[in-house]
């Protein structure tokens, strides 16, 4: 299915269309929306797939929506704790799937980009729905699966987080018509169609585009997350989780990021403090607290390599060094590319 075919499909739909788009930490879908503006105008509402993140600001909304923001269309962020989410089923791994009520009130058009993700394999596709428009309960239960060693960047086969997300999207697709546009970050390539086929095609392209061949592990490496991820330490840490595999045992990894919103999540302070010793590894949904998977990973990383920060935040209180000297080898946009180790 092409953009033109999607235009035709939308033109034949009566009533309101819910358009699910990324929040401000992902590339804007404005260019795709511009091509659909003529068929969406006057009968569209936008839902920002914020998951458990904060609400999108008015300024961010204007950047995300572009020209489609004109005319003040109805738009809101997914608020995971507002109690409005509707249960549609349970996945085989026990995740109770609850999604925003707009998902069940007419057709859904989801627009996003596919790029590597440190535990879901890749963003995009099914991630618009779980965690994008899900309740906190659903997100927590899904993210518990990120404690698995199989939940790695660039990996889909056998990745329990990805497979659970796909089951959640399938439950939604059984109730609601889903039209999907998956772009590939940094590319003009677009895949349109079902939530599953379009995602897998985009992920194949993203794997080739975003996988960086590393022939020999680095003794020292600096990572810069990429502009949209530099909003906070919570987002910037994704660059560490992507690239720590590329640093040799005892080597040095430096995170350089502006982090102008500070830590960026309530649990970040306790998470960072907890990584000084091995956190308790949860054995079930009920034992898991959002962020446990990151604490476990970070503990293992800081015990294997020297991890320091150049962020403007005082990281010494968490037992890390504040690095002031740039490292010679730098990976730019490190939150959106991942190392492929040459064996």
C-alpha atoms as a PDB file:
ATOM      1  CA  UNK A   1       0.000   0.000   0.000  1.00  0.00           C
ATOM      2  CA  UNK A   2       1.298   3.477  -0.919  1.00  0.00           C
ATOM      3  CA  UNK A   3       0.603   6.937   0.499  1.00  0.00           C
ATOM      4  CA  UNK A   4      -1.759   7.528  -2.454  1.00  0.00           C
ATOM      5  CA  UNK A   5      -3.665   4.339  -1.633  1.00  0.00           C
ATOM      6  CA  UNK A   6      -3.920   5.439   1.996  1.00  0.00           C
ATOM      7  CA  UNK A   7      -5.283   8.801   0.803  1.00  0.00           C
ATOM      8  CA  UNK A   8      -7.971   6.965  -1.166  1.00  0.00           C
ATOM      9  CA  UNK A   9      -8.821   4.712   1.782  1.00  0.00           C
ATOM     10  CA  UNK A  10      -9.126   7.657   4.166  1.00  0.00           C
ATOM     11  CA  UNK A  11     -11.250   9.593   1.663  1.00  0.00           C
ATOM     12  CA  UNK A  12     -13.775   6.732   1.727  1.00  0.00           C
ATOM     13  CA  UNK A  13     -13.981   6.592   5.529  1.00  0.00           C
ATOM     14  CA  UNK A  14     -16.882   8.401   7.125  1.00  0.00           C
ATOM     15  CA  UNK A  15     -16.585  10.080  10.484  1.00  0.00           C
ATOM     16  CA  UNK A  16     -13.592  10.833  12.681  1.00  0.00           C
ATOM     17  CA  UNK A  17     -10.180   9.230  12.201  1.00  0.00           C
ATOM     18  CA  UNK A  18      -7.817   8.915  15.155  1.00  0.00           C
ATOM     19  CA  UNK A  19      -4.206   9.526  14.151  1.00  0.00           C
ATOM     20  CA  UNK A  20      -1.599   8.142  16.558  1.00  0.00           C
ATOM     21  CA  UNK A  21       1.769   9.917  16.344  1.00  0.00           C
ATOM     22  CA  UNK A  22       5.094   9.906  18.218  1.00  0.00           C
ATOM     23  CA  UNK A  23       5.789  12.185  21.159  1.00  0.00           C
ATOM     24  CA  UNK A  24       8.628  14.722  21.129  1.00  0.00           C
ATOM     25  CA  UNK A  25      11.396  12.140  21.698  1.00  0.00           C
ATOM     26  CA  UNK A  26      11.025  10.653  18.221  1.00  0.00           C
ATOM     27  CA  UNK A  27      11.281  12.078  14.687  1.00  0.00           C
ATOM     28  CA  UNK A  28       8.240  14.138  13.657  1.00  0.00           C
ATOM     29  CA  UNK A  29       5.672  12.621  11.246  1.00  0.00           C
ATOM     30  CA  UNK A  30       4.863  16.106   9.873  1.00  0.00           C
ATOM     31  CA  UNK A  31       6.113  15.313   6.373  1.00  0.00           C
ATOM     32  CA  UNK A  32       3.786  12.309   6.087  1.00  0.00           C
ATOM     33  CA  UNK A  33       0.891  14.251   7.562  1.00  0.00           C
ATOM     34  CA  UNK A  34       1.392  17.013   4.987  1.00  0.00           C
ATOM     35  CA  UNK A  35       0.676  14.502   2.209  1.00  0.00           C
ATOM     36  CA  UNK A  36      -2.555  13.446   3.926  1.00  0.00           C
ATOM     37  CA  UNK A  37      -3.732  16.871   5.034  1.00  0.00           C
ATOM     38  CA  UNK A  38      -6.362  17.252   2.313  1.00  0.00           C
ATOM     39  CA  UNK A  39      -8.187  14.047   3.298  1.00  0.00           C
ATOM     40  CA  UNK A  40      -7.732  14.434   7.058  1.00  0.00           C
ATOM     41  CA  UNK A  41      -8.710  18.078   7.484  1.00  0.00           C
ATOM     42  CA  UNK A  42     -11.842  18.646   9.511  1.00  0.00           C
ATOM     43  CA  UNK A  43     -12.308  15.044  10.660  1.00  0.00           C
ATOM     44  CA  UNK A  44      -9.165  14.085  12.507  1.00  0.00           C
ATOM     45  CA  UNK A  45      -8.029  13.950  16.114  1.00  0.00           C
ATOM     46  CA  UNK A  46      -4.452  13.316  17.174  1.00  0.00           C
ATOM     47  CA  UNK A  47      -3.295  11.073  19.978  1.00  0.00           C
ATOM     48  CA  UNK A  48       0.323  11.393  21.067  1.00  0.00           C
ATOM     49  CA  UNK A  49       1.754   7.973  21.904  1.00  0.00           C
ATOM     50  CA  UNK A  50       3.453   9.069  25.111  1.00  0.00           C
ATOM     51  CA  UNK A  51       3.229   5.735  26.935  1.00  0.00           C
ATOM     52  CA  UNK A  52       4.243   6.562  30.516  1.00  0.00           C
ATOM     53  CA  UNK A  53       6.127   9.737  29.473  1.00  0.00           C
ATOM     54  CA  UNK A  54       4.963  13.261  30.279  1.00  0.00           C
ATOM     55  CA  UNK A  55       2.370  14.988  28.113  1.00  0.00           C
ATOM     56  CA  UNK A  56       3.449  16.678  24.881  1.00  0.00           C
ATOM     57  CA  UNK A  57       3.804  20.464  25.216  1.00  0.00           C
ATOM     58  CA  UNK A  58       2.041  22.893  22.859  1.00  0.00           C
ATOM     59  CA  UNK A  59       5.379  23.773  21.287  1.00  0.00           C
ATOM     60  CA  UNK A  60       6.253  20.116  20.723  1.00  0.00           C
ATOM     61  CA  UNK A  61       2.785  19.492  19.275  1.00  0.00           C
ATOM     62  CA  UNK A  62       3.307  22.219  16.695  1.00  0.00           C
ATOM     63  CA  UNK A  63       6.594  20.620  15.617  1.00  0.00           C
ATOM     64  CA  UNK A  64       5.160  17.099  15.533  1.00  0.00           C
ATOM     65  CA  UNK A  65       2.028  17.977  13.568  1.00  0.00           C
ATOM     66  CA  UNK A  66       3.387  20.685  11.292  1.00  0.00           C
ATOM     67  CA  UNK A  67       0.714  22.293   9.080  1.00  0.00           C
ATOM     68  CA  UNK A  68      -1.897  19.867  10.392  1.00  0.00           C
ATOM     69  CA  UNK A  69      -1.766  21.754  13.699  1.00  0.00           C
ATOM     70  CA  UNK A  70      -3.509  24.685  12.001  1.00  0.00           C
ATOM     71  CA  UNK A  71      -7.217  24.899  12.717  1.00  0.00           C
ATOM     72  CA  UNK A  72      -6.698  23.546  16.257  1.00  0.00           C
ATOM     73  CA  UNK A  73      -7.700  19.913  15.713  1.00  0.00           C
ATOM     74  CA  UNK A  74      -8.508  17.907  18.813  1.00  0.00           C
ATOM     75  CA  UNK A  75      -5.290  16.479  20.239  1.00  0.00           C
ATOM     76  CA  UNK A  76      -4.226  14.917  23.493  1.00  0.00           C
ATOM     77  CA  UNK A  77      -1.454  12.844  25.018  1.00  0.00           C
ATOM     78  CA  UNK A  78      -1.938   9.327  26.315  1.00  0.00           C
ATOM     79  CA  UNK A  79      -2.159   9.712  30.085  1.00  0.00           C
ATOM     80  CA  UNK A  80      -1.402   6.241  31.357  1.00  0.00           C
ATOM     81  CA  UNK A  81      -2.803   6.819  34.871  1.00  0.00           C
ATOM     82  CA  UNK A  82      -6.115   8.539  34.070  1.00  0.00           C
ATOM     83  CA  UNK A  83      -8.219   5.375  34.480  1.00  0.00           C
ATOM     84  CA  UNK A  84      -9.933   5.607  31.079  1.00  0.00           C
ATOM     85  CA  UNK A  85      -8.110   2.770  29.315  1.00  0.00           C
ATOM     86  CA  UNK A  86     -10.175  -0.173  28.073  1.00  0.00           C
ATOM     87  CA  UNK A  87      -9.145  -3.797  28.531  1.00  0.00           C
ATOM     88  CA  UNK A  88      -9.152  -5.834  25.317  1.00  0.00           C
ATOM     89  CA  UNK A  89      -7.451  -9.046  26.376  1.00  0.00           C
ATOM     90  CA  UNK A  90      -4.337 -10.701  27.787  1.00  0.00           C
ATOM     91  CA  UNK A  91      -1.232 -11.827  25.908  1.00  0.00           C
ATOM     92  CA  UNK A  92       0.261 -15.315  26.169  1.00  0.00           C
ATOM     93  CA  UNK A  93       2.929 -13.891  28.501  1.00  0.00           C
ATOM     94  CA  UNK A  94       0.317 -12.524  30.874  1.00  0.00           C
ATOM     95  CA  UNK A  95       0.268  -8.846  29.907  1.00  0.00           C
ATOM     96  CA  UNK A  96      -3.184  -7.370  30.468  1.00  0.00           C
ATOM     97  CA  UNK A  97      -3.729  -5.116  27.443  1.00  0.00           C
ATOM     98  CA  UNK A  98      -5.536  -1.839  28.201  1.00  0.00           C
ATOM     99  CA  UNK A  99      -5.603   0.951  25.623  1.00  0.00           C
ATOM    100  CA  UNK A 100      -6.870   4.517  25.196  1.00  0.00           C
ATOM    101  CA  UNK A 101     -10.645   4.662  24.472  1.00  0.00           C
ATOM    102  CA  UNK A 102     -10.122   6.498  21.167  1.00  0.00           C
ATOM    103  CA  UNK A 103      -8.687   3.236  19.828  1.00  0.00           C
ATOM    104  CA  UNK A 104     -12.172   1.727  19.767  1.00  0.00           C
ATOM    105  CA  UNK A 105     -14.097   4.618  18.246  1.00  0.00           C
ATOM    106  CA  UNK A 106     -13.510   4.388  14.503  1.00  0.00           C
ATOM    107  CA  UNK A 107     -10.469   3.677  12.294  1.00  0.00           C
ATOM    108  CA  UNK A 108      -6.942   4.336  13.526  1.00  0.00           C
ATOM    109  CA  UNK A 109      -4.097   5.705  11.413  1.00  0.00           C
ATOM    110  CA  UNK A 110      -0.714   5.250  13.122  1.00  0.00           C
ATOM    111  CA  UNK A 111       2.321   7.153  11.822  1.00  0.00           C
ATOM    112  CA  UNK A 112       5.787   6.572  13.212  1.00  0.00           C
ATOM    113  CA  UNK A 113       9.394   5.847  12.386  1.00  0.00           C
ATOM    114  CA  UNK A 114      11.378   2.672  12.881  1.00  0.00           C
ATOM    115  CA  UNK A 115      14.792   2.844  14.487  1.00  0.00           C
ATOM    116  CA  UNK A 116      16.732   0.603  16.873  1.00  0.00           C
ATOM    117  CA  UNK A 117      15.564   0.318  20.466  1.00  0.00           C
ATOM    118  CA  UNK A 118      17.722  -1.021  23.261  1.00  0.00           C
ATOM    119  CA  UNK A 119      15.301  -3.690  24.502  1.00  0.00           C
ATOM    120  CA  UNK A 120      12.362  -3.793  22.053  1.00  0.00           C
ATOM    121  CA  UNK A 121      14.690  -4.461  19.124  1.00  0.00           C
ATOM    122  CA  UNK A 122      13.194  -1.614  17.112  1.00  0.00           C
ATOM    123  CA  UNK A 123      10.716   1.167  17.757  1.00  0.00           C
ATOM    124  CA  UNK A 124       7.800   1.853  15.435  1.00  0.00           C
ATOM    125  CA  UNK A 125       4.899  -0.294  14.268  1.00  0.00           C
ATOM    126  CA  UNK A 126       3.307  -2.052  17.231  1.00  0.00           C
ATOM    127  CA  UNK A 127       5.059   0.277  19.669  1.00  0.00           C
ATOM    128  CA  UNK A 128       2.564   3.026  18.786  1.00  0.00           C
ATOM    129  CA  UNK A 129      -0.026   0.969  20.659  1.00  0.00           C
ATOM    130  CA  UNK A 130       1.957  -0.860  23.334  1.00  0.00           C
ATOM    131  CA  UNK A 131       3.341   1.092  25.133  1.00  0.00           C
ATOM    132  CA  UNK A 132       2.270   4.200  23.163  1.00  0.00           C
ATOM    133  CA  UNK A 133      -1.438   4.379  24.010  1.00  0.00           C
ATOM    134  CA  UNK A 134      -1.569   1.835  26.840  1.00  0.00           C
ATOM    135  CA  UNK A 135      -2.206   2.086  30.564  1.00  0.00           C
ATOM    136  CA  UNK A 136       0.642   2.041  33.065  1.00  0.00           C
ATOM    137  CA  UNK A 137      -0.367  -1.472  34.130  1.00  0.00           C
ATOM    138  CA  UNK A 138       0.048  -2.732  30.564  1.00  0.00           C
ATOM    139  CA  UNK A 139       3.377  -0.962  30.082  1.00  0.00           C
ATOM    140  CA  UNK A 140       4.797  -2.251  33.371  1.00  0.00           C
ATOM    141  CA  UNK A 141       3.830  -5.838  32.603  1.00  0.00           C
ATOM    142  CA  UNK A 142       5.306  -5.631  29.103  1.00  0.00           C
ATOM    143  CA  UNK A 143       8.520  -3.953  30.265  1.00  0.00           C
ATOM    144  CA  UNK A 144       9.088  -6.667  32.868  1.00  0.00           C
ATOM    145  CA  UNK A 145      10.057  -8.789  29.864  1.00  0.00           C
ATOM    146  CA  UNK A 146      12.966  -6.402  29.222  1.00  0.00           C
ATOM    147  CA  UNK A 147      14.798  -8.129  32.087  1.00  0.00           C
ATOM    148  CA  UNK A 148      15.400 -10.988  29.639  1.00  0.00           C
ATOM    149  CA  UNK A 149      18.823 -11.346  28.006  1.00  0.00           C
ATOM    150  CA  UNK A 150      16.967 -11.811  24.701  1.00  0.00           C
ATOM    151  CA  UNK A 151      15.680  -8.211  24.796  1.00  0.00           C
ATOM    152  CA  UNK A 152      18.462  -6.519  22.839  1.00  0.00           C
ATOM    153  CA  UNK A 153      18.839  -3.721  20.259  1.00  0.00           C
ATOM    154  CA  UNK A 154      18.234  -4.818  16.675  1.00  0.00           C
ATOM    155  CA  UNK A 155      16.832  -8.202  17.756  1.00  0.00           C
ATOM    156  CA  UNK A 156      13.235  -9.238  17.019  1.00  0.00           C
ATOM    157  CA  UNK A 157      13.313 -13.039  16.750  1.00  0.00           C
ATOM    158  CA  UNK A 158      12.955 -14.464  20.238  1.00  0.00           C
ATOM    159  CA  UNK A 159      12.714 -11.016  21.824  1.00  0.00           C
ATOM    160  CA  UNK A 160       9.908 -11.364  24.420  1.00  0.00           C
ATOM    161  CA  UNK A 161       9.219  -7.616  24.599  1.00  0.00           C
ATOM    162  CA  UNK A 162       8.681  -7.365  20.847  1.00  0.00           C
ATOM    163  CA  UNK A 163       6.606 -10.531  20.664  1.00  0.00           C
ATOM    164  CA  UNK A 164       4.394  -9.335  23.522  1.00  0.00           C
ATOM    165  CA  UNK A 165       3.897  -5.969  21.781  1.00  0.00           C
ATOM    166  CA  UNK A 166       2.882  -7.764  18.592  1.00  0.00           C
ATOM    167  CA  UNK A 167       0.276  -9.766  20.503  1.00  0.00           C
ATOM    168  CA  UNK A 168      -1.094  -6.542  21.984  1.00  0.00           C
ATOM    169  CA  UNK A 169      -1.339  -4.934  18.551  1.00  0.00           C
ATOM    170  CA  UNK A 170      -3.077  -8.058  17.215  1.00  0.00           C
ATOM    171  CA  UNK A 171      -5.698  -7.797  19.957  1.00  0.00           C
ATOM    172  CA  UNK A 172      -6.359  -4.211  18.879  1.00  0.00           C
ATOM    173  CA  UNK A 173      -6.460  -5.117  15.174  1.00  0.00           C
ATOM    174  CA  UNK A 174      -9.209  -7.646  15.932  1.00  0.00           C
ATOM    175  CA  UNK A 175     -11.365  -4.768  17.240  1.00  0.00           C
ATOM    176  CA  UNK A 176     -10.353  -1.754  15.136  1.00  0.00           C
ATOM    177  CA  UNK A 177      -9.234  -1.049  11.577  1.00  0.00           C
ATOM    178  CA  UNK A 178      -5.555  -0.065  11.687  1.00  0.00           C
ATOM    179  CA  UNK A 179      -3.799   1.754   8.861  1.00  0.00           C
ATOM    180  CA  UNK A 180      -0.058   2.040   9.409  1.00  0.00           C
ATOM    181  CA  UNK A 181       2.670   4.254   8.001  1.00  0.00           C
ATOM    182  CA  UNK A 182       6.179   3.252   9.077  1.00  0.00           C
ATOM    183  CA  UNK A 183       8.990   5.551   8.030  1.00  0.00           C
ATOM    184  CA  UNK A 184      12.651   4.666   8.504  1.00  0.00           C
ATOM    185  CA  UNK A 185      14.546   7.240  10.540  1.00  0.00           C
ATOM    186  CA  UNK A 186      16.914   9.312   8.423  1.00  0.00           C
ATOM    187  CA  UNK A 187      15.520   7.940   5.171  1.00  0.00           C
ATOM    188  CA  UNK A 188      12.759   8.750   2.691  1.00  0.00           C
ATOM    189  CA  UNK A 189      11.702   5.099   2.712  1.00  0.00           C
ATOM    190  CA  UNK A 190       8.087   4.543   3.821  1.00  0.00           C
ATOM    191  CA  UNK A 191       6.125   1.325   4.282  1.00  0.00           C
ATOM    192  CA  UNK A 192       2.332   1.494   4.447  1.00  0.00           C
ATOM    193  CA  UNK A 193      -0.265  -1.157   5.210  1.00  0.00           C
ATOM    194  CA  UNK A 194      -0.951  -3.433   8.151  1.00  0.00           C
ATOM    195  CA  UNK A 195       0.631  -2.944  11.564  1.00  0.00           C
ATOM    196  CA  UNK A 196       2.649  -6.149  11.117  1.00  0.00           C
ATOM    197  CA  UNK A 197       3.794  -6.354   7.478  1.00  0.00           C
ATOM    198  CA  UNK A 198       4.674  -2.667   7.200  1.00  0.00           C
ATOM    199  CA  UNK A 199       6.669  -2.801  10.433  1.00  0.00           C
ATOM    200  CA  UNK A 200       8.722  -5.854   9.494  1.00  0.00           C
ATOM    201  CA  UNK A 201       9.604  -4.367   6.098  1.00  0.00           C
ATOM    202  CA  UNK A 202      10.674  -1.099   7.742  1.00  0.00           C
ATOM    203  CA  UNK A 203      12.652  -2.944  10.426  1.00  0.00           C
ATOM    204  CA  UNK A 204      14.628  -4.821   7.751  1.00  0.00           C
ATOM    205  CA  UNK A 205      15.632  -1.514   6.159  1.00  0.00           C
ATOM    206  CA  UNK A 206      16.398   0.072   9.552  1.00  0.00           C
ATOM    207  CA  UNK A 207      18.613  -2.866  10.508  1.00  0.00           C
ATOM    208  CA  UNK A 208      20.752  -2.336   7.424  1.00  0.00           C
ATOM    209  CA  UNK A 209      20.733   1.445   7.722  1.00  0.00           C
ATOM    210  CA  UNK A 210      21.288   1.774  11.468  1.00  0.00           C
ATOM    211  CA  UNK A 211      23.527  -1.196  12.189  1.00  0.00           C
ATOM    212  CA  UNK A 212      27.128   0.055  12.454  1.00  0.00           C
ATOM    213  CA  UNK A 213      29.809  -2.589  11.882  1.00  0.00           C
ATOM    214  CA  UNK A 214      32.401  -2.618  14.679  1.00  0.00           C
ATOM    215  CA  UNK A 215      35.479  -4.692  13.849  1.00  0.00           C
ATOM    216  CA  UNK A 216      37.246  -4.306  17.178  1.00  0.00           C
ATOM    217  CA  UNK A 217      35.904  -3.238  20.570  1.00  0.00           C
ATOM    218  CA  UNK A 218      36.855   0.259  21.716  1.00  0.00           C
ATOM    219  CA  UNK A 219      39.084   0.996  24.689  1.00  0.00           C
ATOM    220  CA  UNK A 220      37.406   4.424  24.997  1.00  0.00           C
ATOM    221  CA  UNK A 221      34.280   5.729  23.339  1.00  0.00           C
ATOM    222  CA  UNK A 222      32.055   8.813  23.597  1.00  0.00           C
ATOM    223  CA  UNK A 223      28.355   8.552  22.693  1.00  0.00           C
ATOM    224  CA  UNK A 224      26.028  11.437  21.895  1.00  0.00           C
ATOM    225  CA  UNK A 225      22.389  10.347  21.938  1.00  0.00           C
ATOM    226  CA  UNK A 226      20.940  12.483  19.135  1.00  0.00           C
ATOM    227  CA  UNK A 227      19.028  15.729  19.434  1.00  0.00           C
ATOM    228  CA  UNK A 228      15.544  14.481  20.404  1.00  0.00           C
ATOM    229  CA  UNK A 229      16.966  12.128  23.068  1.00  0.00           C
ATOM    230  CA  UNK A 230      19.035  14.845  24.746  1.00  0.00           C
ATOM    231  CA  UNK A 231      15.941  16.199  26.481  1.00  0.00           C
ATOM    232  CA  UNK A 232      16.769  14.280  29.683  1.00  0.00           C
ATOM    233  CA  UNK A 233      19.064  11.691  31.205  1.00  0.00           C
ATOM    234  CA  UNK A 234      16.183   9.188  31.077  1.00  0.00           C
ATOM    235  CA  UNK A 235      16.138   9.433  27.280  1.00  0.00           C
ATOM    236  CA  UNK A 236      19.900   9.928  26.831  1.00  0.00           C
ATOM    237  CA  UNK A 237      20.731   6.699  28.667  1.00  0.00           C
ATOM    238  CA  UNK A 238      19.480   4.826  25.604  1.00  0.00           C
ATOM    239  CA  UNK A 239      22.789   5.646  23.914  1.00  0.00           C
ATOM    240  CA  UNK A 240      24.652   3.840  26.711  1.00  0.00           C
ATOM    241  CA  UNK A 241      22.392   0.808  26.490  1.00  0.00           C
ATOM    242  CA  UNK A 242      22.884   0.702  22.718  1.00  0.00           C
ATOM    243  CA  UNK A 243      26.669   1.013  22.712  1.00  0.00           C
ATOM    244  CA  UNK A 244      28.127  -0.517  25.866  1.00  0.00           C
ATOM    245  CA  UNK A 245      28.566  -3.850  24.028  1.00  0.00           C
ATOM    246  CA  UNK A 246      31.120  -2.142  21.762  1.00  0.00           C
ATOM    247  CA  UNK A 247      33.483  -1.253  24.649  1.00  0.00           C
ATOM    248  CA  UNK A 248      36.051  -3.774  25.851  1.00  0.00           C
ATOM    249  CA  UNK A 249      36.155  -4.995  29.457  1.00  0.00           C
ATOM    250  CA  UNK A 250      37.692  -2.281  31.633  1.00  0.00           C
ATOM    251  CA  UNK A 251      37.313   0.284  28.843  1.00  0.00           C
ATOM    252  CA  UNK A 252      35.738   3.731  29.078  1.00  0.00           C
ATOM    253  CA  UNK A 253      32.330   4.923  27.853  1.00  0.00           C
ATOM    254  CA  UNK A 254      31.331   8.601  28.133  1.00  0.00           C
ATOM    255  CA  UNK A 255      27.787   9.910  27.670  1.00  0.00           C
ATOM    256  CA  UNK A 256      27.745  13.494  26.352  1.00  0.00           C
ATOM    257  CA  UNK A 257      24.299  15.102  26.397  1.00  0.00           C
ATOM    258  CA  UNK A 258      22.691  18.425  27.325  1.00  0.00           C
ATOM    259  CA  UNK A 259      19.914  16.816  29.459  1.00  0.00           C
ATOM    260  CA  UNK A 260      18.189  20.211  29.735  1.00  0.00           C
ATOM    261  CA  UNK A 261      15.193  18.691  31.556  1.00  0.00           C
ATOM    262  CA  UNK A 262      17.431  17.013  34.128  1.00  0.00           C
ATOM    263  CA  UNK A 263      16.858  13.382  35.108  1.00  0.00           C
ATOM    264  CA  UNK A 264      13.562  13.272  33.227  1.00  0.00           C
ATOM    265  CA  UNK A 265      11.665  10.622  35.211  1.00  0.00           C
ATOM    266  CA  UNK A 266      10.664  10.201  38.845  1.00  0.00           C
ATOM    267  CA  UNK A 267      12.317   6.801  39.140  1.00  0.00           C
ATOM    268  CA  UNK A 268      15.685   7.888  37.715  1.00  0.00           C
ATOM    269  CA  UNK A 269      17.243   8.959  41.031  1.00  0.00           C
ATOM    270  CA  UNK A 270      16.387   5.714  42.810  1.00  0.00           C
ATOM    271  CA  UNK A 271      17.380   3.731  39.708  1.00  0.00           C
ATOM    272  CA  UNK A 272      20.834   5.318  39.545  1.00  0.00           C
ATOM    273  CA  UNK A 273      21.426   4.838  43.272  1.00  0.00           C
ATOM    274  CA  UNK A 274      20.299   1.214  43.052  1.00  0.00           C
ATOM    275  CA  UNK A 275      22.894   0.319  40.423  1.00  0.00           C
ATOM    276  CA  UNK A 276      25.798   0.625  42.888  1.00  0.00           C
ATOM    277  CA  UNK A 277      24.908  -2.909  44.006  1.00  0.00           C
ATOM    278  CA  UNK A 278      23.087  -5.642  42.114  1.00  0.00           C
ATOM    279  CA  UNK A 279      19.360  -4.826  42.142  1.00  0.00           C
ATOM    280  CA  UNK A 280      16.899  -7.564  43.015  1.00  0.00           C
ATOM    281  CA  UNK A 281      15.994  -9.328  39.771  1.00  0.00           C
ATOM    282  CA  UNK A 282      12.193  -9.595  39.564  1.00  0.00           C
ATOM    283  CA  UNK A 283      10.780 -13.029  38.819  1.00  0.00           C
ATOM    284  CA  UNK A 284       7.248 -11.938  37.892  1.00  0.00           C
ATOM    285  CA  UNK A 285       5.093  -8.979  36.838  1.00  0.00           C
ATOM    286  CA  UNK A 286       4.115  -8.461  40.448  1.00  0.00           C
ATOM    287  CA  UNK A 287       7.707  -8.056  41.626  1.00  0.00           C
ATOM    288  CA  UNK A 288       8.703  -5.716  38.810  1.00  0.00           C
ATOM    289  CA  UNK A 289       8.850  -1.926  39.202  1.00  0.00           C
ATOM    290  CA  UNK A 290       9.085   0.231  36.077  1.00  0.00           C
ATOM    291  CA  UNK A 291      12.783   0.817  35.442  1.00  0.00           C
ATOM    292  CA  UNK A 292      14.067  -2.373  37.069  1.00  0.00           C
ATOM    293  CA  UNK A 293      15.279  -3.669  33.710  1.00  0.00           C
ATOM    294  CA  UNK A 294      17.383  -0.516  33.231  1.00  0.00           C
ATOM    295  CA  UNK A 295      18.829  -0.747  36.753  1.00  0.00           C
ATOM    296  CA  UNK A 296      19.884  -4.348  36.176  1.00  0.00           C
ATOM    297  CA  UNK A 297      21.530  -3.472  32.855  1.00  0.00           C
ATOM    298  CA  UNK A 298      23.248  -0.397  34.229  1.00  0.00           C
ATOM    299  CA  UNK A 299      24.654  -2.309  37.207  1.00  0.00           C
ATOM    300  CA  UNK A 300      26.207  -4.877  34.873  1.00  0.00           C
ATOM    301  CA  UNK A 301      27.584  -2.129  32.611  1.00  0.00           C
ATOM    302  CA  UNK A 302      29.186  -0.061  35.379  1.00  0.00           C
ATOM    303  CA  UNK A 303      30.829  -3.162  36.806  1.00  0.00           C
ATOM    304  CA  UNK A 304      32.322  -4.144  33.444  1.00  0.00           C
ATOM    305  CA  UNK A 305      33.497  -0.768  32.090  1.00  0.00           C
ATOM    306  CA  UNK A 306      34.286   2.755  33.325  1.00  0.00           C
ATOM    307  CA  UNK A 307      31.165   4.822  32.793  1.00  0.00           C
ATOM    308  CA  UNK A 308      31.279   8.618  33.058  1.00  0.00           C
ATOM    309  CA  UNK A 309      29.087  11.562  32.050  1.00  0.00           C
ATOM    310  CA  UNK A 310      29.334  15.007  30.508  1.00  0.00           C
ATOM    311  CA  UNK A 311      25.751  16.205  30.928  1.00  0.00           C
ATOM    312  CA  UNK A 312      25.721  19.248  33.191  1.00  0.00           C
ATOM    313  CA  UNK A 313      24.232  17.052  35.927  1.00  0.00           C
ATOM    314  CA  UNK A 314      26.185  16.175  39.052  1.00  0.00           C
ATOM    315  CA  UNK A 315      26.539  12.416  38.658  1.00  0.00           C
ATOM    316  CA  UNK A 316      28.998  12.050  41.552  1.00  0.00           C
ATOM    317  CA  UNK A 317      26.161  11.525  44.002  1.00  0.00           C
ATOM    318  CA  UNK A 318      25.345   8.331  42.111  1.00  0.00           C
ATOM    319  CA  UNK A 319      28.950   7.161  42.157  1.00  0.00           C
ATOM    320  CA  UNK A 320      29.828   8.206  38.588  1.00  0.00           C
ATOM    321  CA  UNK A 321      32.500  10.591  37.312  1.00  0.00           C
ATOM    322  CA  UNK A 322      31.719  13.887  35.597  1.00  0.00           C
ATOM    323  CA  UNK A 323      33.970  13.699  32.547  1.00  0.00           C
ATOM    324  CA  UNK A 324      35.338  17.008  31.238  1.00  0.00           C
ATOM    325  CA  UNK A 325      37.642  15.778  28.482  1.00  0.00           C
ATOM    326  CA  UNK A 326      36.166  14.825  25.071  1.00  0.00           C
ATOM    327  CA  UNK A 327      37.063  11.343  23.839  1.00  0.00           C
ATOM    328  CA  UNK A 328      38.674  11.009  20.405  1.00  0.00           C
ATOM    329  CA  UNK A 329      36.213   8.406  19.076  1.00  0.00           C
ATOM    330  CA  UNK A 330      32.630   9.697  19.033  1.00  0.00           C
ATOM    331  CA  UNK A 331      29.385   8.050  17.932  1.00  0.00           C
ATOM    332  CA  UNK A 332      26.859  10.704  16.947  1.00  0.00           C
ATOM    333  CA  UNK A 333      23.139   9.938  17.027  1.00  0.00           C
ATOM    334  CA  UNK A 334      24.031   6.952  19.206  1.00  0.00           C
ATOM    335  CA  UNK A 335      20.470   6.448  20.445  1.00  0.00           C
ATOM    336  CA  UNK A 336      19.346   5.686  16.883  1.00  0.00           C
ATOM    337  CA  UNK A 337      22.150   3.396  15.673  1.00  0.00           C
ATOM    338  CA  UNK A 338      23.563   0.219  17.169  1.00  0.00           C
ATOM    339  CA  UNK A 339      26.825  -1.744  16.915  1.00  0.00           C
ATOM    340  CA  UNK A 340      27.029  -4.931  14.893  1.00  0.00           C
ATOM    341  CA  UNK A 341      30.055  -6.742  16.205  1.00  0.00           C
ATOM    342  CA  UNK A 342      32.107  -8.382  13.469  1.00  0.00           C
ATOM    343  CA  UNK A 343      33.061 -11.909  14.503  1.00  0.00           C
END
